[in-house]
């Protein structure tokens, strides 16, 4: 996994499926909306894991979506905006 923004990592799972790991539900919602509405990149499914202070959400994308596509899309986000959204719950 490669951390590309605060609280956001991108990588491949064991089946070579691109995944994004987001360390907060509010931030996940923000990323989900951005990727879906602005970038037309919908994920197939997600899983979440509880942790003290919130959730960690993993988004799984279709096999044809490369991590580089996700990284390039997320590069359009400001780290300051990501931090602001994260701090809404943390």
N, C-alpha and C. Protein backbone atom coordinates (compact mmCIF):
# COMPACT_ATOMS: atom_id res chain seq x y z
N UNK A 1 0.84 -1.19 0.00
CA UNK A 1 0.00 0.00 0.00
C UNK A 1 0.88 1.24 0.00
N UNK A 2 0.42 2.22 -0.72
CA UNK A 2 1.16 3.47 -0.84
C UNK A 2 0.26 4.61 -0.35
N UNK A 3 0.72 5.33 0.67
CA UNK A 3 -0.05 6.46 1.16
C UNK A 3 0.13 7.61 0.18
N UNK A 4 -0.99 8.08 -0.38
CA UNK A 4 -0.90 9.14 -1.38
C UNK A 4 -1.42 10.48 -0.88
N UNK A 5 -2.27 10.43 0.13
CA UNK A 5 -2.78 11.63 0.80
C UNK A 5 -2.89 11.29 2.28
N UNK A 6 -3.02 12.29 3.13
CA UNK A 6 -3.23 11.96 4.55
C UNK A 6 -4.43 11.03 4.72
N UNK A 7 -4.24 9.93 5.43
CA UNK A 7 -5.30 8.98 5.78
C UNK A 7 -5.84 8.18 4.60
N UNK A 8 -5.16 8.24 3.45
CA UNK A 8 -5.62 7.53 2.24
C UNK A 8 -4.45 6.79 1.62
N UNK A 9 -4.64 5.46 1.44
CA UNK A 9 -3.62 4.63 0.80
C UNK A 9 -4.24 3.91 -0.40
N UNK A 10 -3.40 3.65 -1.40
CA UNK A 10 -3.83 2.95 -2.62
C UNK A 10 -2.88 1.79 -2.85
N UNK A 11 -3.42 0.69 -3.32
CA UNK A 11 -2.59 -0.47 -3.62
C UNK A 11 -3.39 -1.55 -4.32
N UNK A 12 -2.83 -2.74 -4.33
CA UNK A 12 -3.47 -3.90 -4.94
C UNK A 12 -3.72 -4.95 -3.86
N UNK A 13 -4.85 -5.65 -3.98
CA UNK A 13 -5.08 -6.77 -3.07
C UNK A 13 -4.45 -8.03 -3.65
N UNK A 14 -4.63 -9.16 -2.99
CA UNK A 14 -4.00 -10.40 -3.44
C UNK A 14 -4.51 -10.87 -4.80
N UNK A 15 -5.66 -10.37 -5.25
CA UNK A 15 -6.19 -10.72 -6.57
C UNK A 15 -5.88 -9.66 -7.62
N UNK A 16 -4.93 -8.78 -7.35
CA UNK A 16 -4.54 -7.67 -8.23
C UNK A 16 -5.67 -6.69 -8.49
N UNK A 17 -6.57 -6.55 -7.56
CA UNK A 17 -7.65 -5.58 -7.65
C UNK A 17 -7.20 -4.32 -6.92
N UNK A 18 -7.41 -3.18 -7.56
CA UNK A 18 -7.04 -1.90 -6.95
C UNK A 18 -7.93 -1.65 -5.73
N UNK A 19 -7.31 -1.23 -4.64
CA UNK A 19 -8.04 -0.89 -3.42
C UNK A 19 -7.59 0.46 -2.89
N UNK A 20 -8.52 1.13 -2.23
CA UNK A 20 -8.21 2.36 -1.50
C UNK A 20 -8.59 2.11 -0.04
N UNK A 21 -7.69 2.42 0.86
CA UNK A 21 -7.96 2.31 2.29
C UNK A 21 -8.08 3.73 2.83
N UNK A 22 -9.23 4.02 3.45
CA UNK A 22 -9.52 5.35 3.99
C UNK A 22 -9.73 5.21 5.49
N UNK A 23 -9.07 6.03 6.27
CA UNK A 23 -9.04 5.90 7.72
C UNK A 23 -10.13 6.66 8.47
N UNK A 24 -11.25 6.95 7.80
CA UNK A 24 -12.34 7.65 8.47
C UNK A 24 -13.59 7.57 7.59
N UNK A 25 -14.78 7.40 8.22
CA UNK A 25 -15.99 7.25 7.43
C UNK A 25 -16.36 8.54 6.69
N UNK A 26 -16.27 9.69 7.34
CA UNK A 26 -16.59 10.96 6.68
C UNK A 26 -15.67 11.20 5.49
N UNK A 27 -14.40 10.88 5.66
CA UNK A 27 -13.44 11.02 4.56
C UNK A 27 -13.75 10.02 3.46
N UNK A 28 -14.13 8.80 3.82
CA UNK A 28 -14.56 7.82 2.82
C UNK A 28 -15.71 8.37 2.00
N UNK A 29 -16.72 8.95 2.65
CA UNK A 29 -17.87 9.50 1.95
C UNK A 29 -17.44 10.59 0.96
N UNK A 30 -16.54 11.43 1.39
CA UNK A 30 -16.00 12.49 0.54
C UNK A 30 -15.28 11.90 -0.68
N UNK A 31 -14.43 10.91 -0.45
CA UNK A 31 -13.67 10.27 -1.53
C UNK A 31 -14.61 9.52 -2.48
N UNK A 32 -15.58 8.81 -1.91
CA UNK A 32 -16.55 8.08 -2.72
C UNK A 32 -17.29 9.04 -3.66
N UNK A 33 -17.76 10.16 -3.14
CA UNK A 33 -18.45 11.15 -3.97
C UNK A 33 -17.53 11.74 -5.03
N UNK A 34 -16.33 12.10 -4.63
CA UNK A 34 -15.38 12.69 -5.57
C UNK A 34 -15.07 11.73 -6.72
N UNK A 35 -14.69 10.49 -6.39
CA UNK A 35 -14.33 9.54 -7.43
C UNK A 35 -15.53 9.18 -8.32
N UNK A 36 -16.69 9.02 -7.72
CA UNK A 36 -17.87 8.65 -8.49
C UNK A 36 -18.43 9.77 -9.35
N UNK A 37 -18.55 10.96 -8.76
CA UNK A 37 -19.18 12.08 -9.46
C UNK A 37 -18.22 12.87 -10.34
N UNK A 38 -17.02 13.11 -9.84
CA UNK A 38 -16.07 13.94 -10.58
C UNK A 38 -15.21 13.13 -11.56
N UNK A 39 -14.92 11.87 -11.21
CA UNK A 39 -13.97 11.08 -11.99
C UNK A 39 -14.61 9.89 -12.69
N UNK A 40 -15.89 9.64 -12.43
CA UNK A 40 -16.61 8.49 -13.00
C UNK A 40 -15.89 7.17 -12.71
N UNK A 41 -15.42 7.03 -11.47
CA UNK A 41 -14.74 5.82 -11.01
C UNK A 41 -15.52 5.23 -9.84
N UNK A 42 -16.37 4.28 -10.17
CA UNK A 42 -17.18 3.65 -9.12
C UNK A 42 -16.48 2.38 -8.64
N UNK A 43 -16.53 2.16 -7.34
CA UNK A 43 -15.96 0.94 -6.79
C UNK A 43 -17.02 -0.16 -6.81
N UNK A 44 -16.58 -1.42 -6.70
CA UNK A 44 -17.52 -2.54 -6.73
C UNK A 44 -18.11 -2.84 -5.36
N UNK A 45 -17.27 -2.85 -4.34
CA UNK A 45 -17.75 -3.11 -2.98
C UNK A 45 -16.75 -2.55 -1.99
N UNK A 46 -17.17 -2.55 -0.73
CA UNK A 46 -16.30 -2.04 0.33
C UNK A 46 -16.45 -2.93 1.56
N UNK A 47 -15.42 -2.87 2.39
CA UNK A 47 -15.48 -3.51 3.70
C UNK A 47 -15.04 -2.46 4.72
N UNK A 48 -15.47 -2.64 5.95
CA UNK A 48 -15.04 -1.70 6.99
C UNK A 48 -14.61 -2.47 8.22
N UNK A 49 -13.73 -1.83 8.96
CA UNK A 49 -13.21 -2.40 10.20
C UNK A 49 -13.28 -1.33 11.27
N UNK A 50 -13.88 -1.67 12.38
CA UNK A 50 -13.95 -0.74 13.50
C UNK A 50 -12.57 -0.60 14.15
N UNK A 51 -12.31 0.59 14.63
CA UNK A 51 -11.09 0.88 15.38
C UNK A 51 -11.43 1.95 16.39
N UNK A 52 -10.63 2.11 17.41
CA UNK A 52 -10.90 3.19 18.35
C UNK A 52 -10.94 4.53 17.61
N UNK A 53 -12.02 5.25 17.76
CA UNK A 53 -12.14 6.55 17.12
C UNK A 53 -12.79 6.52 15.75
N UNK A 54 -13.23 5.36 15.28
CA UNK A 54 -13.89 5.33 13.98
C UNK A 54 -13.71 4.05 13.21
N UNK A 55 -13.82 4.17 11.91
CA UNK A 55 -13.75 3.02 11.00
C UNK A 55 -12.60 3.19 10.01
N UNK A 56 -12.14 2.07 9.51
CA UNK A 56 -11.24 2.05 8.37
C UNK A 56 -12.02 1.36 7.25
N UNK A 57 -12.17 2.04 6.12
CA UNK A 57 -12.95 1.52 5.01
C UNK A 57 -12.01 1.20 3.85
N UNK A 58 -12.21 0.02 3.27
CA UNK A 58 -11.45 -0.39 2.09
C UNK A 58 -12.40 -0.48 0.92
N UNK A 59 -12.08 0.24 -0.15
CA UNK A 59 -12.88 0.24 -1.38
C UNK A 59 -12.19 -0.64 -2.40
N UNK A 60 -12.94 -1.54 -3.03
CA UNK A 60 -12.41 -2.46 -4.04
C UNK A 60 -12.95 -2.06 -5.41
N UNK A 61 -12.05 -1.86 -6.37
CA UNK A 61 -12.42 -1.42 -7.71
C UNK A 61 -12.40 -2.59 -8.69
N UNK A 62 -13.08 -2.44 -9.84
CA UNK A 62 -13.05 -3.50 -10.86
C UNK A 62 -11.62 -3.78 -11.31
N UNK A 63 -11.40 -4.99 -11.80
CA UNK A 63 -10.05 -5.40 -12.20
C UNK A 63 -9.41 -4.49 -13.24
N UNK A 64 -10.17 -3.84 -14.08
CA UNK A 64 -9.60 -2.98 -15.11
C UNK A 64 -9.11 -1.63 -14.62
N UNK A 65 -9.34 -1.31 -13.37
CA UNK A 65 -8.92 -0.02 -12.83
C UNK A 65 -7.55 -0.17 -12.19
N UNK A 66 -6.57 0.55 -12.74
CA UNK A 66 -5.19 0.49 -12.24
C UNK A 66 -5.00 1.48 -11.11
N UNK A 67 -4.11 1.16 -10.16
CA UNK A 67 -3.83 2.10 -9.08
C UNK A 67 -3.40 3.48 -9.58
N UNK A 68 -2.71 3.52 -10.70
CA UNK A 68 -2.24 4.79 -11.26
C UNK A 68 -3.40 5.70 -11.63
N UNK A 69 -4.51 5.11 -12.09
CA UNK A 69 -5.70 5.90 -12.44
C UNK A 69 -6.29 6.52 -11.18
N UNK A 70 -6.38 5.74 -10.13
CA UNK A 70 -6.90 6.24 -8.86
C UNK A 70 -5.98 7.31 -8.30
N UNK A 71 -4.68 7.05 -8.31
CA UNK A 71 -3.71 8.01 -7.79
C UNK A 71 -3.79 9.33 -8.55
N UNK A 72 -3.88 9.26 -9.88
CA UNK A 72 -3.96 10.48 -10.69
C UNK A 72 -5.23 11.26 -10.37
N UNK A 73 -6.32 10.55 -10.17
CA UNK A 73 -7.58 11.22 -9.82
C UNK A 73 -7.50 11.89 -8.46
N UNK A 74 -6.98 11.17 -7.48
CA UNK A 74 -6.89 11.71 -6.13
C UNK A 74 -5.85 12.83 -6.02
N UNK A 75 -4.92 12.89 -6.96
CA UNK A 75 -3.92 13.96 -6.96
C UNK A 75 -4.57 15.33 -7.17
N UNK A 76 -5.81 15.34 -7.65
CA UNK A 76 -6.53 16.60 -7.84
C UNK A 76 -7.09 17.16 -6.54
N UNK A 77 -7.03 16.38 -5.48
CA UNK A 77 -7.51 16.83 -4.18
C UNK A 77 -6.40 17.52 -3.40
N UNK A 78 -6.78 18.52 -2.67
CA UNK A 78 -5.83 19.23 -1.82
C UNK A 78 -5.63 18.46 -0.52
N UNK A 79 -4.38 18.22 -0.11
CA UNK A 79 -4.15 17.60 1.19
C UNK A 79 -4.81 18.38 2.34
N UNK A 80 -4.89 19.69 2.21
CA UNK A 80 -5.54 20.51 3.24
C UNK A 80 -7.04 20.21 3.30
N UNK A 81 -7.67 20.00 2.16
CA UNK A 81 -9.09 19.66 2.13
C UNK A 81 -9.32 18.27 2.72
N UNK A 82 -8.45 17.33 2.41
CA UNK A 82 -8.54 15.99 2.99
C UNK A 82 -8.42 16.07 4.50
N UNK A 83 -7.49 16.85 4.98
CA UNK A 83 -7.29 17.03 6.42
C UNK A 83 -8.52 17.67 7.07
N UNK A 84 -9.10 18.65 6.40
CA UNK A 84 -10.30 19.31 6.92
C UNK A 84 -11.46 18.32 7.08
N UNK A 85 -11.68 17.50 6.07
CA UNK A 85 -12.77 16.52 6.12
C UNK A 85 -12.49 15.49 7.22
N UNK A 86 -11.26 15.03 7.32
CA UNK A 86 -10.89 14.06 8.35
C UNK A 86 -11.18 14.61 9.75
N UNK A 87 -10.88 15.89 9.95
CA UNK A 87 -11.03 16.48 11.28
C UNK A 87 -12.49 16.72 11.67
N UNK A 88 -13.42 16.52 10.75
CA UNK A 88 -14.84 16.68 11.10
C UNK A 88 -15.24 15.65 12.17
N UNK A 89 -14.65 14.46 12.13
CA UNK A 89 -14.98 13.40 13.09
C UNK A 89 -13.86 13.08 14.05
N UNK A 90 -12.69 13.61 13.83
CA UNK A 90 -11.53 13.22 14.63
C UNK A 90 -10.89 14.40 15.34
